[in-house]
Amino acid sequence: MQTQKELIQQGFQRAKLTYAQNANVQQAMQQKLLAILHKHCKARNLGNILELGCGNGLLAQNLALNFEFESYLAVDLVDFSNDFIKIQKDTSHKIDFLQADFEDLVKIGNKNPDLAIRFDFVQRKYAMGKSVEFFATIKCVTPTKWNLSL
């Protein structure tokens, strides 16, 4: 019998090719985060970034186009490494990708990030499978700068 995480991993793996065109809520939340970072990070250097549940790198690409950073570690259950290789070729930033469960801190290691990002999405479904309500939160922890939870 498969675990819940294995089922999640398989679902995202199946949706991998169409993820970017269907990630509307994720893209809206990323734009909100970018606006907040532009407002609060005047130096434009975000230091060391850890993104948990990074998907295909849409946020990493946007951050690389708008900010400087020392390092970027993107972690996801699904192997999006080819997407991150492309992002590195298109930008001057070094972005590392790790395929792992972001709850497995041993694999991630002690990165001591200046900015840790995780997006949470909960979609409620009602009768006839119609999706009518979304909840989205961004959790950003920046021990040296600020602490945001949206």
Foldseek 3Di string as FASTA:
>chain_A
DDDPVVVVQVVCQVCQVVCVVPVVVVVVVLVVVVVVCVVFPVVQEQEEEEEEQCRLPPSVLVSQVRGHYDEAEYEHQYDNVVSVVVSVVVGVHDYHYDNDHVVPCVVVDPPVGQKYKYKDKDWDADPPRDTDDIDIWIWIDGPVGDGDID
